[in-house]
PDB file of N, CA and C in Angstrom:
ATOM      1  N   MET A   1     -37.278  33.175   7.509  1.00  0.00           N
ATOM      2  CA  MET A   1     -38.577  32.781   7.995  1.00  0.00           C
ATOM      3  C   MET A   1     -38.536  31.300   8.357  1.00  0.00           C
ATOM      4  N   THR A   2     -39.018  30.976   9.540  1.00  0.00           N
ATOM      5  CA  THR A   2     -39.064  29.593   9.996  1.00  0.00           C
ATOM      6  C   THR A   2     -40.463  29.047   9.790  1.00  0.00           C
ATOM      7  N   SER A   3     -40.543  27.876   9.169  1.00  0.00           N
ATOM      8  CA  SER A   3     -41.859  27.273   8.962  1.00  0.00           C
ATOM      9  C   SER A   3     -42.077  26.168   9.988  1.00  0.00           C
ATOM     10  N   VAL A   4     -43.305  26.006  10.381  1.00  0.00           N
ATOM     11  CA  VAL A   4     -43.670  24.959  11.326  1.00  0.00           C
ATOM     12  C   VAL A   4     -43.695  23.634  10.581  1.00  0.00           C
ATOM     13  N   ARG A   5     -43.174  22.606  11.198  1.00  0.00           N
ATOM     14  CA  ARG A   5     -43.140  21.276  10.586  1.00  0.00           C
ATOM     15  C   ARG A   5     -44.009  20.327  11.389  1.00  0.00           C
ATOM     16  N   LYS A   6     -44.618  19.380  10.703  1.00  0.00           N
ATOM     17  CA  LYS A   6     -45.410  18.349  11.347  1.00  0.00           C
ATOM     18  C   LYS A   6     -44.859  17.002  10.920  1.00  0.00           C
ATOM     19  N   MET A   7     -44.638  16.120  11.877  1.00  0.00           N
ATOM     20  CA  MET A   7     -44.090  14.807  11.574  1.00  0.00           C
ATOM     21  C   MET A   7     -45.206  13.859  11.141  1.00  0.00           C
ATOM     22  N   THR A   8     -44.945  13.120  10.069  1.00  0.00           N
ATOM     23  CA  THR A   8     -45.877  12.129   9.551  1.00  0.00           C
ATOM     24  C   THR A   8     -45.094  10.868   9.224  1.00  0.00           C
ATOM     25  N   THR A   9     -45.666   9.726   9.496  1.00  0.00           N
ATOM     26  CA  THR A   9     -45.035   8.445   9.188  1.00  0.00           C
ATOM     27  C   THR A   9     -45.740   7.832   7.983  1.00  0.00           C
ATOM     28  N   ILE A  10     -44.943   7.310   7.032  1.00  0.00           N
ATOM     29  CA  ILE A  10     -45.508   6.644   5.860  1.00  0.00           C
ATOM     30  C   ILE A  10     -44.857   5.274   5.695  1.00  0.00           C
ATOM     31  N   CYS A  11     -45.580   4.357   5.083  1.00  0.00           N
ATOM     32  CA  CYS A  11     -45.045   3.032   4.765  1.00  0.00           C
ATOM     33  C   CYS A  11     -44.874   2.957   3.252  1.00  0.00           C
ATOM     34  N   ILE A  12     -43.652   2.668   2.811  1.00  0.00           N
ATOM     35  CA  ILE A  12     -43.353   2.578   1.383  1.00  0.00           C
ATOM     36  C   ILE A  12     -42.539   1.318   1.111  1.00  0.00           C
ATOM     37  N   THR A  13     -42.472   0.943  -0.147  1.00  0.00           N
ATOM     38  CA  THR A  13     -41.706  -0.244  -0.530  1.00  0.00           C
ATOM     39  C   THR A  13     -40.212   0.036  -0.399  1.00  0.00           C
ATOM     40  N   PRO A  14     -39.417  -1.011  -0.252  1.00  0.00           N
ATOM     41  CA  PRO A  14     -37.966  -0.821  -0.210  1.00  0.00           C
ATOM     42  C   PRO A  14     -37.429  -0.153  -1.483  1.00  0.00           C
ATOM     43  N   GLU A  15     -38.056  -0.452  -2.616  1.00  0.00           N
ATOM     44  CA  GLU A  15     -37.615   0.145  -3.880  1.00  0.00           C
ATOM     45  C   GLU A  15     -37.851   1.655  -3.886  1.00  0.00           C
ATOM     46  N   LEU A  16     -39.008   2.069  -3.396  1.00  0.00           N
ATOM     47  CA  LEU A  16     -39.306   3.496  -3.336  1.00  0.00           C
ATOM     48  C   LEU A  16     -38.395   4.194  -2.331  1.00  0.00           C
ATOM     49  N   SER A  17     -38.123   3.537  -1.222  1.00  0.00           N
ATOM     50  CA  SER A  17     -37.204   4.092  -0.233  1.00  0.00           C
ATOM     51  C   SER A  17     -35.816   4.288  -0.836  1.00  0.00           C
ATOM     52  N   ALA A  18     -35.370   3.315  -1.625  1.00  0.00           N
ATOM     53  CA  ALA A  18     -34.064   3.419  -2.280  1.00  0.00           C
ATOM     54  C   ALA A  18     -34.050   4.562  -3.294  1.00  0.00           C
ATOM     55  N   ALA A  19     -35.158   4.737  -4.017  1.00  0.00           N
ATOM     56  CA  ALA A  19     -35.242   5.830  -4.991  1.00  0.00           C
ATOM     57  C   ALA A  19     -35.185   7.184  -4.285  1.00  0.00           C
ATOM     58  N   ILE A  20     -35.880   7.303  -3.160  1.00  0.00           N
ATOM     59  CA  ILE A  20     -35.856   8.553  -2.393  1.00  0.00           C
ATOM     60  C   ILE A  20     -34.454   8.804  -1.851  1.00  0.00           C
ATOM     61  N   GLU A  21     -33.802   7.764  -1.372  1.00  0.00           N
ATOM     62  CA  GLU A  21     -32.428   7.896  -0.869  1.00  0.00           C
ATOM     63  C   GLU A  21     -31.481   8.331  -1.990  1.00  0.00           C
ATOM     64  N   GLY A  22     -31.683   7.788  -3.184  1.00  0.00           N
ATOM     65  CA  GLY A  22     -30.864   8.196  -4.328  1.00  0.00           C
ATOM     66  C   GLY A  22     -31.037   9.666  -4.650  1.00  0.00           C
ATOM     67  N   ARG A  23     -32.282  10.157  -4.633  1.00  0.00           N
ATOM     68  CA  ARG A  23     -32.542  11.586  -4.871  1.00  0.00           C
ATOM     69  C   ARG A  23     -31.923  12.436  -3.767  1.00  0.00           C
ATOM     70  N   ARG A  24     -32.014  11.946  -2.526  1.00  0.00           N
ATOM     71  CA  ARG A  24     -31.428  12.687  -1.405  1.00  0.00           C
ATOM     72  C   ARG A  24     -29.940  12.941  -1.648  1.00  0.00           C
ATOM     73  N   LYS A  25     -29.239  11.913  -2.052  1.00  0.00           N
ATOM     74  CA  LYS A  25     -27.806  12.046  -2.332  1.00  0.00           C
ATOM     75  C   LYS A  25     -27.564  12.921  -3.552  1.00  0.00           C
ATOM     76  N   GLN A  26     -28.350  12.712  -4.608  1.00  0.00           N
ATOM     77  CA  GLN A  26     -28.196  13.478  -5.849  1.00  0.00           C
ATOM     78  C   GLN A  26     -28.424  14.963  -5.608  1.00  0.00           C
ATOM     79  N   TRP A  27     -29.427  15.297  -4.799  1.00  0.00           N
ATOM     80  CA  TRP A  27     -29.772  16.691  -4.539  1.00  0.00           C
ATOM     81  C   TRP A  27     -28.996  17.283  -3.367  1.00  0.00           C
ATOM     82  N   GLY A  28     -28.178  16.480  -2.680  1.00  0.00           N
ATOM     83  CA  GLY A  28     -27.380  16.977  -1.566  1.00  0.00           C
ATOM     84  C   GLY A  28     -28.201  17.372  -0.345  1.00  0.00           C
ATOM     85  N   LEU A  29     -29.271  16.640  -0.092  1.00  0.00           N
ATOM     86  CA  LEU A  29     -30.135  16.946   1.047  1.00  0.00           C
ATOM     87  C   LEU A  29     -29.732  16.112   2.257  1.00  0.00           C
ATOM     88  N   LYS A  30     -30.193  16.539   3.436  1.00  0.00           N
ATOM     89  CA  LYS A  30     -29.826  15.858   4.677  1.00  0.00           C
ATOM     90  C   LYS A  30     -30.756  14.712   5.042  1.00  0.00           C
ATOM     91  N   SER A  31     -32.000  14.760   4.557  1.00  0.00           N
ATOM     92  CA  SER A  31     -32.953  13.724   4.966  1.00  0.00           C
ATOM     93  C   SER A  31     -33.890  13.329   3.826  1.00  0.00           C
ATOM     94  N   LYS A  32     -34.462  12.147   3.967  1.00  0.00           N
ATOM     95  CA  LYS A  32     -35.468  11.692   3.004  1.00  0.00           C
ATOM     96  C   LYS A  32     -36.700  12.577   3.080  1.00  0.00           C
ATOM     97  N   GLY A  33     -36.991  13.075   4.276  1.00  0.00           N
ATOM     98  CA  GLY A  33     -38.134  13.969   4.445  1.00  0.00           C
ATOM     99  C   GLY A  33     -38.027  15.211   3.583  1.00  0.00           C
ATOM    100  N   GLU A  34     -36.800  15.730   3.432  1.00  0.00           N
ATOM    101  CA  GLU A  34     -36.591  16.899   2.571  1.00  0.00           C
ATOM    102  C   GLU A  34     -36.899  16.564   1.113  1.00  0.00           C
ATOM    103  N   VAL A  35     -36.566  15.350   0.689  1.00  0.00           N
ATOM    104  CA  VAL A  35     -36.872  14.916  -0.681  1.00  0.00           C
ATOM    105  C   VAL A  35     -38.384  14.873  -0.870  1.00  0.00           C
ATOM    106  N   ILE A  36     -39.075  14.245   0.070  1.00  0.00           N
ATOM    107  CA  ILE A  36     -40.531  14.141  -0.020  1.00  0.00           C
ATOM    108  C   ILE A  36     -41.158  15.526  -0.001  1.00  0.00           C
ATOM    109  N   ASP A  37     -40.644  16.421   0.835  1.00  0.00           N
ATOM    110  CA  ASP A  37     -41.145  17.791   0.903  1.00  0.00           C
ATOM    111  C   ASP A  37     -41.015  18.487  -0.447  1.00  0.00           C
ATOM    112  N   ARG A  38     -39.856  18.354  -1.087  1.00  0.00           N
ATOM    113  CA  ARG A  38     -39.648  18.971  -2.409  1.00  0.00           C
ATOM    114  C   ARG A  38     -40.591  18.392  -3.457  1.00  0.00           C
ATOM    115  N   LEU A  39     -40.740  17.070  -3.441  1.00  0.00           N
ATOM    116  CA  LEU A  39     -41.610  16.422  -4.420  1.00  0.00           C
ATOM    117  C   LEU A  39     -43.068  16.828  -4.228  1.00  0.00           C
ATOM    118  N   LEU A  40     -43.524  16.883  -2.992  1.00  0.00           N
ATOM    119  CA  LEU A  40     -44.904  17.293  -2.730  1.00  0.00           C
ATOM    120  C   LEU A  40     -45.117  18.755  -3.082  1.00  0.00           C
ATOM    121  N   ASP A  41     -44.121  19.588  -2.828  1.00  0.00           N
ATOM    122  CA  ASP A  41     -44.213  20.999  -3.208  1.00  0.00           C
ATOM    123  C   ASP A  41     -44.365  21.113  -4.720  1.00  0.00           C
ATOM    124  N   TRP A  42     -43.554  20.356  -5.456  1.00  0.00           N
ATOM    125  CA  TRP A  42     -43.624  20.355  -6.919  1.00  0.00           C
ATOM    126  C   TRP A  42     -45.001  19.881  -7.392  1.00  0.00           C
ATOM    127  N   MET A  43     -45.527  18.836  -6.767  1.00  0.00           N
ATOM    128  CA  MET A  43     -46.819  18.273  -7.172  1.00  0.00           C
ATOM    129  C   MET A  43     -47.982  19.227  -6.923  1.00  0.00           C
ATOM    130  N   THR A  44     -47.884  20.051  -5.904  1.00  0.00           N
ATOM    131  CA  THR A  44     -49.016  20.895  -5.517  1.00  0.00           C
ATOM    132  C   THR A  44     -48.960  22.300  -6.084  1.00  0.00           C
ATOM    133  N   LYS A  45     -47.921  22.623  -6.849  1.00  0.00           N
ATOM    134  CA  LYS A  45     -47.845  23.946  -7.475  1.00  0.00           C
ATOM    135  C   LYS A  45     -48.886  24.063  -8.575  1.00  0.00           C
ATOM    136  N   GLU A  46     -49.390  25.278  -8.743  1.00  0.00           N
ATOM    137  CA  GLU A  46     -50.346  25.548  -9.814  1.00  0.00           C
ATOM    138  C   GLU A  46     -49.635  25.450 -11.162  1.00  0.00           C
ATOM    139  N   PRO A  47     -50.279  24.852 -12.165  1.00  0.00           N
ATOM    140  CA  PRO A  47     -49.659  24.774 -13.495  1.00  0.00           C
ATOM    141  C   PRO A  47     -49.493  26.163 -14.106  1.00  0.00           C
ATOM    142  N   VAL A  48     -48.440  26.319 -14.888  1.00  0.00           N
ATOM    143  CA  VAL A  48     -48.170  27.582 -15.567  1.00  0.00           C
ATOM    144  C   VAL A  48     -49.001  27.627 -16.839  1.00  0.00           C
ATOM    145  N   GLU A  49     -49.638  28.769 -17.113  1.00  0.00           N
ATOM    146  CA  GLU A  49     -50.457  28.933 -18.324  1.00  0.00           C
ATOM    147  C   GLU A  49     -49.641  28.612 -19.575  1.00  0.00           C
ATOM    148  N   GLY A  50     -50.220  27.843 -20.484  1.00  0.00           N
ATOM    149  CA  GLY A  50     -49.567  27.534 -21.743  1.00  0.00           C
ATOM    150  C   GLY A  50     -48.619  26.355 -21.688  1.00  0.00           C
ATOM    151  N   LYS A  51     -48.419  25.762 -20.497  1.00  0.00           N
ATOM    152  CA  LYS A  51     -47.545  24.596 -20.376  1.00  0.00           C
ATOM    153  C   LYS A  51     -48.388  23.381 -20.056  1.00  0.00           C
ATOM    154  N   ASP A  52     -48.101  22.282 -20.736  1.00  0.00           N
ATOM    155  CA  ASP A  52     -48.830  21.029 -20.487  1.00  0.00           C
ATOM    156  C   ASP A  52     -47.977  20.042 -19.764  1.00  0.00           C
TER     157      ASP A  52
END
């Protein structure tokens, strides 16, 4: 299944950019956008019952 993508530009600090780049390498991803996509997906998931 192919998902539609929308391009968005953000301004972040050099430190945050470096942290995202570090995760990109650690997770073996091709782009910083993929890191941000994963993080936002994680943030927007519904909490699991019984977990805090």
